[in-house]
Amino acid sequence: MNASAYYYCLVGILKREMYRFLQQRSRFLSSLVRPLLWLAVFAAGFRSALGIAIIPPYETYISYEVYIAPGLIGIILLFNGMQSSLSMVYDREMGSMRVLLTSPISRAYLL
């Protein structure tokens, strides 16, 4: 197969996964609400303890929300990756993984 055929196979698999992700409302909402809830809870709880970061001679101030945002992005990616890997288990149980494995595309595209 040429590169364009692999591209169309990849686009088809990505569309199917996005459609499945948007159809599962609880999974979609939890991926949006959980980080915002963590940001609100942790920022409110730790703001007084860790919000002031004055480092002489720079006199800089970093709010806790800015400090925790990269970590929350990492947690979002981790949890969404774990939930996406569960869809592969679901595909295997329902039999659609067998159809994908018999297709002429590389197995790396299925991951």
PDB file of N, CA and C in Angstrom:
ATOM      1  N   MET A   1       0.844  -1.185   0.000  1.00  0.00           N
ATOM      2  CA  MET A   1       0.000   0.000   0.000  1.00  0.00           C
ATOM      3  C   MET A   1       0.884   1.242   0.000  1.00  0.00           C
ATOM      4  N   ASN A   2       0.387   2.263  -0.636  1.00  0.00           N
ATOM      5  CA  ASN A   2       1.141   3.515  -0.660  1.00  0.00           C
ATOM      6  C   ASN A   2       0.782   4.387   0.541  1.00  0.00           C
ATOM      7  N   ALA A   3       1.452   5.505   0.655  1.00  0.00           N
ATOM      8  CA  ALA A   3       1.300   6.366   1.833  1.00  0.00           C
ATOM      9  C   ALA A   3      -0.097   6.964   1.935  1.00  0.00           C
ATOM     10  N   SER A   4      -0.725   7.279   0.817  1.00  0.00           N
ATOM     11  CA  SER A   4      -2.063   7.878   0.886  1.00  0.00           C
ATOM     12  C   SER A   4      -3.092   6.878   1.398  1.00  0.00           C
ATOM     13  N   ALA A   5      -2.923   5.597   1.073  1.00  0.00           N
ATOM     14  CA  ALA A   5      -3.850   4.584   1.584  1.00  0.00           C
ATOM     15  C   ALA A   5      -3.704   4.444   3.097  1.00  0.00           C
ATOM     16  N   TYR A   6      -2.473   4.475   3.584  1.00  0.00           N
ATOM     17  CA  TYR A   6      -2.261   4.439   5.035  1.00  0.00           C
ATOM     18  C   TYR A   6      -2.876   5.665   5.707  1.00  0.00           C
ATOM     19  N   TYR A   7      -2.763   6.787   5.041  1.00  0.00           N
ATOM     20  CA  TYR A   7      -3.331   8.023   5.586  1.00  0.00           C
ATOM     21  C   TYR A   7      -4.848   7.905   5.715  1.00  0.00           C
ATOM     22  N   TYR A   8      -5.522   7.379   4.699  1.00  0.00           N
ATOM     23  CA  TYR A   8      -6.977   7.236   4.756  1.00  0.00           C
ATOM     24  C   TYR A   8      -7.403   6.237   5.827  1.00  0.00           C
ATOM     25  N   CYS A   9      -6.617   5.183   5.997  1.00  0.00           N
ATOM     26  CA  CYS A   9      -6.917   4.225   7.070  1.00  0.00           C
ATOM     27  C   CYS A   9      -6.774   4.883   8.437  1.00  0.00           C
ATOM     28  N   LEU A  10      -5.722   5.648   8.596  1.00  0.00           N
ATOM     29  CA  LEU A  10      -5.495   6.336   9.864  1.00  0.00           C
ATOM     30  C   LEU A  10      -6.601   7.346  10.151  1.00  0.00           C
ATOM     31  N   VAL A  11      -7.014   8.094   9.141  1.00  0.00           N
ATOM     32  CA  VAL A  11      -8.092   9.072   9.315  1.00  0.00           C
ATOM     33  C   VAL A  11      -9.393   8.368   9.684  1.00  0.00           C
ATOM     34  N   GLY A  12      -9.658   7.227   9.072  1.00  0.00           N
ATOM     35  CA  GLY A  12     -10.866   6.470   9.404  1.00  0.00           C
ATOM     36  C   GLY A  12     -10.881   5.995  10.842  1.00  0.00           C
ATOM     37  N   ILE A  13      -9.756   5.487  11.310  1.00  0.00           N
ATOM     38  CA  ILE A  13      -9.665   5.027  12.697  1.00  0.00           C
ATOM     39  C   ILE A  13      -9.788   6.201  13.658  1.00  0.00           C
ATOM     40  N   LEU A  14      -9.156   7.330  13.336  1.00  0.00           N
ATOM     41  CA  LEU A  14      -9.251   8.513  14.198  1.00  0.00           C
ATOM     42  C   LEU A  14     -10.676   9.054  14.258  1.00  0.00           C
ATOM     43  N   LYS A  15     -11.375   9.055  13.133  1.00  0.00           N
ATOM     44  CA  LYS A  15     -12.767   9.516  13.126  1.00  0.00           C
ATOM     45  C   LYS A  15     -13.642   8.616  13.983  1.00  0.00           C
ATOM     46  N   ARG A  16     -13.403   7.305  13.890  1.00  0.00           N
ATOM     47  CA  ARG A  16     -14.191   6.368  14.689  1.00  0.00           C
ATOM     48  C   ARG A  16     -13.948   6.590  16.173  1.00  0.00           C
ATOM     49  N   GLU A  17     -12.696   6.804  16.560  1.00  0.00           N
ATOM     50  CA  GLU A  17     -12.385   7.035  17.970  1.00  0.00           C
ATOM     51  C   GLU A  17     -12.951   8.364  18.466  1.00  0.00           C
ATOM     52  N   MET A  18     -12.886   9.403  17.659  1.00  0.00           N
ATOM     53  CA  MET A  18     -13.458  10.696  18.059  1.00  0.00           C
ATOM     54  C   MET A  18     -14.975  10.601  18.178  1.00  0.00           C
ATOM     55  N   TYR A  19     -15.605   9.896  17.249  1.00  0.00           N
ATOM     56  CA  TYR A  19     -17.054   9.715  17.313  1.00  0.00           C
ATOM     57  C   TYR A  19     -17.432   8.957  18.583  1.00  0.00           C
ATOM     58  N   ARG A  20     -16.680   7.910  18.888  1.00  0.00           N
ATOM     59  CA  ARG A  20     -16.953   7.131  20.095  1.00  0.00           C
ATOM     60  C   ARG A  20     -16.728   7.975  21.348  1.00  0.00           C
ATOM     61  N   PHE A  21     -15.679   8.792  21.340  1.00  0.00           N
ATOM     62  CA  PHE A  21     -15.375   9.653  22.487  1.00  0.00           C
ATOM     63  C   PHE A  21     -16.491  10.658  22.723  1.00  0.00           C
ATOM     64  N   LEU A  22     -17.017  11.254  21.657  1.00  0.00           N
ATOM     65  CA  LEU A  22     -18.080  12.245  21.809  1.00  0.00           C
ATOM     66  C   LEU A  22     -19.421  11.599  22.144  1.00  0.00           C
ATOM     67  N   GLN A  23     -19.624  10.345  21.752  1.00  0.00           N
ATOM     68  CA  GLN A  23     -20.874   9.658  22.070  1.00  0.00           C
ATOM     69  C   GLN A  23     -20.937   9.232  23.534  1.00  0.00           C
ATOM     70  N   GLN A  24     -19.802   8.977  24.139  1.00  0.00           N
ATOM     71  CA  GLN A  24     -19.768   8.600  25.549  1.00  0.00           C
ATOM     72  C   GLN A  24     -19.715   9.876  26.375  1.00  0.00           C
ATOM     73  N   ARG A  25     -20.873  10.378  26.703  1.00  0.00           N
ATOM     74  CA  ARG A  25     -20.971  11.687  27.349  1.00  0.00           C
ATOM     75  C   ARG A  25     -20.283  11.728  28.710  1.00  0.00           C
ATOM     76  N   SER A  26     -20.369  10.649  29.454  1.00  0.00           N
ATOM     77  CA  SER A  26     -19.731  10.659  30.773  1.00  0.00           C
ATOM     78  C   SER A  26     -18.215  10.759  30.641  1.00  0.00           C
ATOM     79  N   ARG A  27     -17.654  10.068  29.677  1.00  0.00           N
ATOM     80  CA  ARG A  27     -16.207  10.143  29.454  1.00  0.00           C
ATOM     81  C   ARG A  27     -15.800  11.530  28.973  1.00  0.00           C
ATOM     82  N   PHE A  28     -16.605  12.104  28.101  1.00  0.00           N
ATOM     83  CA  PHE A  28     -16.317  13.438  27.576  1.00  0.00           C
ATOM     84  C   PHE A  28     -16.404  14.487  28.682  1.00  0.00           C
ATOM     85  N   LEU A  29     -17.474  14.420  29.481  1.00  0.00           N
ATOM     86  CA  LEU A  29     -17.646  15.402  30.555  1.00  0.00           C
ATOM     87  C   LEU A  29     -16.600  15.233  31.654  1.00  0.00           C
ATOM     88  N   SER A  30     -16.251  13.992  31.957  1.00  0.00           N
ATOM     89  CA  SER A  30     -15.247  13.797  33.008  1.00  0.00           C
ATOM     90  C   SER A  30     -13.885  14.313  32.572  1.00  0.00           C
ATOM     91  N   SER A  31     -13.588  14.228  31.281  1.00  0.00           N
ATOM     92  CA  SER A  31     -12.302  14.757  30.825  1.00  0.00           C
ATOM     93  C   SER A  31     -12.272  16.276  30.854  1.00  0.00           C
ATOM     94  N   LEU A  32     -13.432  16.919  30.865  1.00  0.00           N
ATOM     95  CA  LEU A  32     -13.484  18.376  30.953  1.00  0.00           C
ATOM     96  C   LEU A  32     -13.638  18.874  32.390  1.00  0.00           C
ATOM     97  N   VAL A  33     -14.468  18.197  33.170  1.00  0.00           N
ATOM     98  CA  VAL A  33     -14.806  18.675  34.511  1.00  0.00           C
ATOM     99  C   VAL A  33     -13.730  18.320  35.534  1.00  0.00           C
ATOM    100  N   ARG A  34     -13.156  17.126  35.448  1.00  0.00           N
ATOM    101  CA  ARG A  34     -12.181  16.684  36.447  1.00  0.00           C
ATOM    102  C   ARG A  34     -11.009  17.655  36.595  1.00  0.00           C
ATOM    103  N   PRO A  35     -10.360  18.107  35.515  1.00  0.00           N
ATOM    104  CA  PRO A  35      -9.243  19.040  35.709  1.00  0.00           C
ATOM    105  C   PRO A  35      -9.672  20.387  36.279  1.00  0.00           C
ATOM    106  N   LEU A  36     -10.838  20.860  35.880  1.00  0.00           N
ATOM    107  CA  LEU A  36     -11.314  22.133  36.428  1.00  0.00           C
ATOM    108  C   LEU A  36     -11.625  22.006  37.909  1.00  0.00           C
ATOM    109  N   LEU A  37     -12.183  20.877  38.302  1.00  0.00           N
ATOM    110  CA  LEU A  37     -12.466  20.636  39.715  1.00  0.00           C
ATOM    111  C   LEU A  37     -11.167  20.548  40.514  1.00  0.00           C
ATOM    112  N   TRP A  38     -10.184  19.841  39.983  1.00  0.00           N
ATOM    113  CA  TRP A  38      -8.896  19.756  40.666  1.00  0.00           C
ATOM    114  C   TRP A  38      -8.246  21.119  40.779  1.00  0.00           C
ATOM    115  N   LEU A  39      -8.330  21.897  39.716  1.00  0.00           N
ATOM    116  CA  LEU A  39      -7.741  23.233  39.754  1.00  0.00           C
ATOM    117  C   LEU A  39      -8.420  24.082  40.820  1.00  0.00           C
ATOM    118  N   ALA A  40      -9.746  24.017  40.892  1.00  0.00           N
ATOM    119  CA  ALA A  40     -10.472  24.818  41.879  1.00  0.00           C
ATOM    120  C   ALA A  40     -10.156  24.359  43.304  1.00  0.00           C
ATOM    121  N   VAL A  41     -10.161  23.059  43.533  1.00  0.00           N
ATOM    122  CA  VAL A  41      -9.935  22.539  44.884  1.00  0.00           C
ATOM    123  C   VAL A  41      -8.495  22.773  45.329  1.00  0.00           C
ATOM    124  N   PHE A  42      -7.543  22.395  44.493  1.00  0.00           N
ATOM    125  CA  PHE A  42      -6.146  22.546  44.889  1.00  0.00           C
ATOM    126  C   PHE A  42      -5.725  24.006  44.960  1.00  0.00           C
ATOM    127  N   ALA A  43      -6.212  24.817  44.035  1.00  0.00           N
ATOM    128  CA  ALA A  43      -5.838  26.233  44.050  1.00  0.00           C
ATOM    129  C   ALA A  43      -6.408  26.923  45.282  1.00  0.00           C
ATOM    130  N   ALA A  44      -7.638  26.583  45.652  1.00  0.00           N
ATOM    131  CA  ALA A  44      -8.229  27.198  46.840  1.00  0.00           C
ATOM    132  C   ALA A  44      -7.533  26.714  48.109  1.00  0.00           C
ATOM    133  N   GLY A  45      -7.141  25.455  48.125  1.00  0.00           N
ATOM    134  CA  GLY A  45      -6.530  24.907  49.328  1.00  0.00           C
ATOM    135  C   GLY A  45      -5.083  25.296  49.529  1.00  0.00           C
ATOM    136  N   PHE A  46      -4.335  25.388  48.449  1.00  0.00           N
ATOM    137  CA  PHE A  46      -2.900  25.636  48.562  1.00  0.00           C
ATOM    138  C   PHE A  46      -2.486  27.059  48.239  1.00  0.00           C
ATOM    139  N   ARG A  47      -3.411  27.901  47.872  1.00  0.00           N
ATOM    140  CA  ARG A  47      -3.050  29.271  47.492  1.00  0.00           C
ATOM    141  C   ARG A  47      -2.360  30.000  48.636  1.00  0.00           C
ATOM    142  N   SER A  48      -2.891  29.847  49.836  1.00  0.00           N
ATOM    143  CA  SER A  48      -2.293  30.571  50.960  1.00  0.00           C
ATOM    144  C   SER A  48      -0.941  29.983  51.357  1.00  0.00           C
ATOM    145  N   ALA A  49      -0.757  28.699  51.147  1.00  0.00           N
ATOM    146  CA  ALA A  49       0.500  28.074  51.550  1.00  0.00           C
ATOM    147  C   ALA A  49       1.595  28.213  50.497  1.00  0.00           C
ATOM    148  N   LEU A  50       1.223  28.109  49.219  1.00  0.00           N
ATOM    149  CA  LEU A  50       2.241  28.061  48.174  1.00  0.00           C
ATOM    150  C   LEU A  50       2.114  29.158  47.129  1.00  0.00           C
ATOM    151  N   GLY A  51       1.201  30.076  47.283  1.00  0.00           N
ATOM    152  CA  GLY A  51       0.987  31.084  46.252  1.00  0.00           C
ATOM    153  C   GLY A  51       2.068  32.128  46.166  1.00  0.00           C
ATOM    154  N   ILE A  52       2.771  32.380  47.242  1.00  0.00           N
ATOM    155  CA  ILE A  52       3.789  33.430  47.231  1.00  0.00           C
ATOM    156  C   ILE A  52       5.136  32.782  46.960  1.00  0.00           C
ATOM    157  N   ALA A  53       5.746  33.191  45.885  1.00  0.00           N
ATOM    158  CA  ALA A  53       7.058  32.655  45.525  1.00  0.00           C
ATOM    159  C   ALA A  53       7.969  33.815  45.186  1.00  0.00           C
ATOM    160  N   ILE A  54       8.374  34.560  46.182  1.00  0.00           N
ATOM    161  CA  ILE A  54       9.263  35.696  45.964  1.00  0.00           C
ATOM    162  C   ILE A  54      10.688  35.202  46.146  1.00  0.00           C
ATOM    163  N   ILE A  55      11.440  35.279  45.072  1.00  0.00           N
ATOM    164  CA  ILE A  55      12.819  34.806  45.088  1.00  0.00           C
ATOM    165  C   ILE A  55      13.735  36.007  44.921  1.00  0.00           C
ATOM    166  N   PRO A  56      14.467  36.376  45.954  1.00  0.00           N
ATOM    167  CA  PRO A  56      15.388  37.511  45.809  1.00  0.00           C
ATOM    168  C   PRO A  56      16.479  37.161  44.808  1.00  0.00           C
ATOM    169  N   PRO A  57      16.962  37.984  44.021  1.00  0.00           N
ATOM    170  CA  PRO A  57      16.698  39.408  43.826  1.00  0.00           C
ATOM    171  C   PRO A  57      15.648  39.676  42.760  1.00  0.00           C
ATOM    172  N   TYR A  58      14.916  38.661  42.316  1.00  0.00           N
ATOM    173  CA  TYR A  58      14.024  38.832  41.172  1.00  0.00           C
ATOM    174  C   TYR A  58      12.680  39.436  41.534  1.00  0.00           C
ATOM    175  N   GLU A  59      12.220  39.236  42.750  1.00  0.00           N
ATOM    176  CA  GLU A  59      10.928  39.766  43.188  1.00  0.00           C
ATOM    177  C   GLU A  59       9.801  39.302  42.262  1.00  0.00           C
ATOM    178  N   THR A  60       9.799  38.029  41.938  1.00  0.00           N
ATOM    179  CA  THR A  60       8.746  37.493  41.066  1.00  0.00           C
ATOM    180  C   THR A  60       7.652  36.863  41.903  1.00  0.00           C
ATOM    181  N   TYR A  61       6.469  36.873  41.377  1.00  0.00           N
ATOM    182  CA  TYR A  61       5.327  36.251  42.031  1.00  0.00           C
ATOM    183  C   TYR A  61       4.694  35.294  41.038  1.00  0.00           C
ATOM    184  N   ILE A  62       4.537  34.066  41.427  1.00  0.00           N
ATOM    185  CA  ILE A  62       3.884  33.065  40.586  1.00  0.00           C
ATOM    186  C   ILE A  62       2.661  32.576  41.344  1.00  0.00           C
ATOM    187  N   SER A  63       1.493  32.767  40.769  1.00  0.00           N
ATOM    188  CA  SER A  63       0.278  32.290  41.436  1.00  0.00           C
ATOM    189  C   SER A  63       0.236  30.767  41.376  1.00  0.00           C
ATOM    190  N   TYR A  64      -0.501  30.187  42.288  1.00  0.00           N
ATOM    191  CA  TYR A  64      -0.555  28.731  42.356  1.00  0.00           C
ATOM    192  C   TYR A  64      -1.254  28.146  41.143  1.00  0.00           C
ATOM    193  N   GLU A  65      -2.215  28.868  40.565  1.00  0.00           N
ATOM    194  CA  GLU A  65      -2.907  28.378  39.377  1.00  0.00           C
ATOM    195  C   GLU A  65      -1.936  28.219  38.214  1.00  0.00           C
ATOM    196  N   VAL A  66      -1.040  29.180  38.062  1.00  0.00           N
ATOM    197  CA  VAL A  66      -0.034  29.101  36.993  1.00  0.00           C
ATOM    198  C   VAL A  66       0.959  27.983  37.292  1.00  0.00           C
ATOM    199  N   TYR A  67       1.283  27.794  38.541  1.00  0.00           N
ATOM    200  CA  TYR A  67       2.247  26.778  38.943  1.00  0.00           C
ATOM    201  C   TYR A  67       1.710  25.368  38.704  1.00  0.00           C
ATOM    202  N   ILE A  68       0.422  25.153  38.970  1.00  0.00           N
ATOM    203  CA  ILE A  68      -0.139  23.812  38.896  1.00  0.00           C
ATOM    204  C   ILE A  68      -0.654  23.452  37.498  1.00  0.00           C
ATOM    205  N   ALA A  69      -0.815  24.414  36.603  1.00  0.00           N
ATOM    206  CA  ALA A  69      -1.396  24.159  35.280  1.00  0.00           C
ATOM    207  C   ALA A  69      -0.617  23.117  34.467  1.00  0.00           C
ATOM    208  N   PRO A  70       0.711  23.146  34.372  1.00  0.00           N
ATOM    209  CA  PRO A  70       1.403  22.102  33.598  1.00  0.00           C
ATOM    210  C   PRO A  70       1.203  20.700  34.170  1.00  0.00           C
ATOM    211  N   GLY A  71       1.170  20.586  35.478  1.00  0.00           N
ATOM    212  CA  GLY A  71       0.914  19.289  36.087  1.00  0.00           C
ATOM    213  C   GLY A  71      -0.481  18.783  35.789  1.00  0.00           C
ATOM    214  N   LEU A  72      -1.456  19.688  35.810  1.00  0.00           N
ATOM    215  CA  LEU A  72      -2.821  19.283  35.478  1.00  0.00           C
ATOM    216  C   LEU A  72      -2.934  18.861  34.020  1.00  0.00           C
ATOM    217  N   ILE A  73      -2.223  19.521  33.131  1.00  0.00           N
ATOM    218  CA  ILE A  73      -2.239  19.116  31.725  1.00  0.00           C
ATOM    219  C   ILE A  73      -1.656  17.709  31.582  1.00  0.00           C
ATOM    220  N   GLY A  74      -0.595  17.428  32.317  1.00  0.00           N
ATOM    221  CA  GLY A  74      -0.030  16.083  32.302  1.00  0.00           C
ATOM    222  C   GLY A  74      -0.999  15.043  32.832  1.00  0.00           C
ATOM    223  N   ILE A  75      -1.723  15.376  33.892  1.00  0.00           N
ATOM    224  CA  ILE A  75      -2.710  14.455  34.449  1.00  0.00           C
ATOM    225  C   ILE A  75      -3.853  14.234  33.472  1.00  0.00           C
ATOM    226  N   ILE A  76      -4.280  15.290  32.788  1.00  0.00           N
ATOM    227  CA  ILE A  76      -5.337  15.158  31.782  1.00  0.00           C
ATOM    228  C   ILE A  76      -4.898  14.191  30.692  1.00  0.00           C
ATOM    229  N   LEU A  77      -3.672  14.354  30.202  1.00  0.00           N
ATOM    230  CA  LEU A  77      -3.169  13.468  29.154  1.00  0.00           C
ATOM    231  C   LEU A  77      -3.063  12.030  29.648  1.00  0.00           C
ATOM    232  N   LEU A  78      -2.637  11.847  30.884  1.00  0.00           N
ATOM    233  CA  LEU A  78      -2.505  10.512  31.447  1.00  0.00           C
ATOM    234  C   LEU A  78      -3.862   9.819  31.555  1.00  0.00           C
ATOM    235  N   PHE A  79      -4.854  10.497  32.122  1.00  0.00           N
ATOM    236  CA  PHE A  79      -6.164   9.886  32.295  1.00  0.00           C
ATOM    237  C   PHE A  79      -6.858   9.646  30.963  1.00  0.00           C
ATOM    238  N   ASN A  80      -6.746  10.580  30.019  1.00  0.00           N
ATOM    239  CA  ASN A  80      -7.363  10.363  28.712  1.00  0.00           C
ATOM    240  C   ASN A  80      -6.682   9.223  27.968  1.00  0.00           C
ATOM    241  N   GLY A  81      -5.379   9.071  28.142  1.00  0.00           N
ATOM    242  CA  GLY A  81      -4.678   7.944  27.535  1.00  0.00           C
ATOM    243  C   GLY A  81      -5.127   6.617  28.119  1.00  0.00           C
ATOM    244  N   MET A  82      -5.334   6.585  29.435  1.00  0.00           N
ATOM    245  CA  MET A  82      -5.810   5.350  30.059  1.00  0.00           C
ATOM    246  C   MET A  82      -7.224   5.018  29.602  1.00  0.00           C
ATOM    247  N   GLN A  83      -8.077   6.016  29.497  1.00  0.00           N
ATOM    248  CA  GLN A  83      -9.439   5.765  29.043  1.00  0.00           C
ATOM    249  C   GLN A  83      -9.467   5.346  27.580  1.00  0.00           C
ATOM    250  N   SER A  84      -8.579   5.884  26.774  1.00  0.00           N
ATOM    251  CA  SER A  84      -8.520   5.493  25.372  1.00  0.00           C
ATOM    252  C   SER A  84      -8.014   4.067  25.214  1.00  0.00           C
ATOM    253  N   SER A  85      -7.094   3.662  26.065  1.00  0.00           N
ATOM    254  CA  SER A  85      -6.614   2.287  25.972  1.00  0.00           C
ATOM    255  C   SER A  85      -7.708   1.299  26.369  1.00  0.00           C
ATOM    256  N   LEU A  86      -8.634   1.724  27.197  1.00  0.00           N
ATOM    257  CA  LEU A  86      -9.758   0.852  27.529  1.00  0.00           C
ATOM    258  C   LEU A  86     -10.662   0.623  26.328  1.00  0.00           C
ATOM    259  N   SER A  87     -10.667   1.538  25.367  1.00  0.00           N
ATOM    260  CA  SER A  87     -11.476   1.326  24.170  1.00  0.00           C
ATOM    261  C   SER A  87     -10.903   0.189  23.333  1.00  0.00           C
ATOM    262  N   MET A  88      -9.586  -0.038  23.405  1.00  0.00           N
ATOM    263  CA  MET A  88      -9.009  -1.187  22.700  1.00  0.00           C
ATOM    264  C   MET A  88      -9.483  -2.495  23.326  1.00  0.00           C
ATOM    265  N   VAL A  89      -9.611  -2.529  24.633  1.00  0.00           N
ATOM    266  CA  VAL A  89     -10.135  -3.713  25.309  1.00  0.00           C
ATOM    267  C   VAL A  89     -11.585  -3.935  24.901  1.00  0.00           C
ATOM    268  N   TYR A  90     -12.354  -2.858  24.829  1.00  0.00           N
ATOM    269  CA  TYR A  90     -13.751  -2.957  24.402  1.00  0.00           C
ATOM    270  C   TYR A  90     -13.835  -3.470  22.968  1.00  0.00           C
ATOM    271  N   ASP A  91     -12.975  -2.978  22.080  1.00  0.00           N
ATOM    272  CA  ASP A  91     -12.957  -3.453  20.695  1.00  0.00           C
ATOM    273  C   ASP A  91     -12.651  -4.940  20.627  1.00  0.00           C
ATOM    274  N   ARG A  92     -11.722  -5.387  21.457  1.00  0.00           N
ATOM    275  CA  ARG A  92     -11.373  -6.806  21.446  1.00  0.00           C
ATOM    276  C   ARG A  92     -12.540  -7.655  21.947  1.00  0.00           C
ATOM    277  N   GLU A  93     -13.250  -7.192  22.968  1.00  0.00           N
ATOM    278  CA  GLU A  93     -14.384  -7.948  23.488  1.00  0.00           C
ATOM    279  C   GLU A  93     -15.538  -8.002  22.494  1.00  0.00           C
ATOM    280  N   MET A  94     -15.759  -6.916  21.775  1.00  0.00           N
ATOM    281  CA  MET A  94     -16.885  -6.858  20.844  1.00  0.00           C
ATOM    282  C   MET A  94     -16.561  -7.467  19.478  1.00  0.00           C
ATOM    283  N   GLY A  95     -15.302  -7.755  19.205  1.00  0.00           N
ATOM    284  CA  GLY A  95     -14.937  -8.398  17.955  1.00  0.00           C
ATOM    285  C   GLY A  95     -14.510  -7.455  16.848  1.00  0.00           C
ATOM    286  N   SER A  96     -14.620  -6.173  17.057  1.00  0.00           N
ATOM    287  CA  SER A  96     -14.220  -5.254  15.988  1.00  0.00           C
ATOM    288  C   SER A  96     -12.706  -5.156  15.866  1.00  0.00           C
ATOM    289  N   MET A  97     -11.970  -5.544  16.891  1.00  0.00           N
ATOM    290  CA  MET A  97     -10.511  -5.541  16.797  1.00  0.00           C
ATOM    291  C   MET A  97     -10.037  -6.589  15.798  1.00  0.00           C
ATOM    292  N   ARG A  98     -10.757  -7.702  15.704  1.00  0.00           N
ATOM    293  CA  ARG A  98     -10.391  -8.744  14.745  1.00  0.00           C
ATOM    294  C   ARG A  98     -10.508  -8.233  13.317  1.00  0.00           C
ATOM    295  N   VAL A  99     -11.522  -7.429  13.062  1.00  0.00           N
ATOM    296  CA  VAL A  99     -11.692  -6.845  11.732  1.00  0.00           C
ATOM    297  C   VAL A  99     -10.548  -5.886  11.426  1.00  0.00           C
ATOM    298  N   LEU A 100     -10.164  -5.087  12.405  1.00  0.00           N
ATOM    299  CA  LEU A 100      -9.059  -4.156  12.194  1.00  0.00           C
ATOM    300  C   LEU A 100      -7.728  -4.884  12.006  1.00  0.00           C
ATOM    301  N   LEU A 101      -7.528  -5.980  12.728  1.00  0.00           N
ATOM    302  CA  LEU A 101      -6.271  -6.714  12.604  1.00  0.00           C
ATOM    303  C   LEU A 101      -6.144  -7.422  11.261  1.00  0.00           C
ATOM    304  N   THR A 102      -7.256  -7.768  10.632  1.00  0.00           N
ATOM    305  CA  THR A 102      -7.198  -8.420   9.323  1.00  0.00           C
ATOM    306  C   THR A 102      -7.096  -7.424   8.180  1.00  0.00           C
ATOM    307  N   SER A 103      -7.195  -6.152   8.469  1.00  0.00           N
ATOM    308  CA  SER A 103      -7.068  -5.143   7.416  1.00  0.00           C
ATOM    309  C   SER A 103      -5.603  -5.032   6.985  1.00  0.00           C
ATOM    310  N   PRO A 104      -5.355  -4.520   5.789  1.00  0.00           N
ATOM    311  CA  PRO A 104      -3.976  -4.478   5.276  1.00  0.00           C
ATOM    312  C   PRO A 104      -3.140  -3.306   5.785  1.00  0.00           C
ATOM    313  N   ILE A 105      -3.500  -2.721   6.908  1.00  0.00           N
ATOM    314  CA  ILE A 105      -2.707  -1.606   7.428  1.00  0.00           C
ATOM    315  C   ILE A 105      -1.725  -2.122   8.471  1.00  0.00           C
ATOM    316  N   SER A 106      -0.753  -1.319   8.753  1.00  0.00           N
ATOM    317  CA  SER A 106       0.261  -1.679   9.736  1.00  0.00           C
ATOM    318  C   SER A 106      -0.354  -1.702  11.138  1.00  0.00           C
ATOM    319  N   ARG A 107       0.154  -2.572  11.976  1.00  0.00           N
ATOM    320  CA  ARG A 107      -0.377  -2.666  13.345  1.00  0.00           C
ATOM    321  C   ARG A 107      -0.048  -1.434  14.172  1.00  0.00           C
ATOM    322  N   ALA A 108       0.955  -0.699  13.783  1.00  0.00           N
ATOM    323  CA  ALA A 108       1.316   0.519  14.513  1.00  0.00           C
ATOM    324  C   ALA A 108       0.211   1.562  14.426  1.00  0.00           C
ATOM    325  N   TYR A 109      -0.571   1.552  13.354  1.00  0.00           N
ATOM    326  CA  TYR A 109      -1.668   2.507  13.226  1.00  0.00           C
ATOM    327  C   TYR A 109      -2.795   2.200  14.203  1.00  0.00           C
ATOM    328  N   LEU A 110      -2.901   0.962  14.637  1.00  0.00           N
ATOM    329  CA  LEU A 110      -3.975   0.590  15.558  1.00  0.00           C
ATOM    330  C   LEU A 110      -3.691   1.048  16.976  1.00  0.00           C
ATOM    331  N   LEU A 111      -2.456   1.337  17.277  1.00  0.00           N
ATOM    332  CA  LEU A 111      -2.125   1.802  18.617  1.00  0.00           C
ATOM    333  C   LEU A 111      -2.376   3.275  18.706  1.00  0.00           C
TER     334      LEU A 111
END
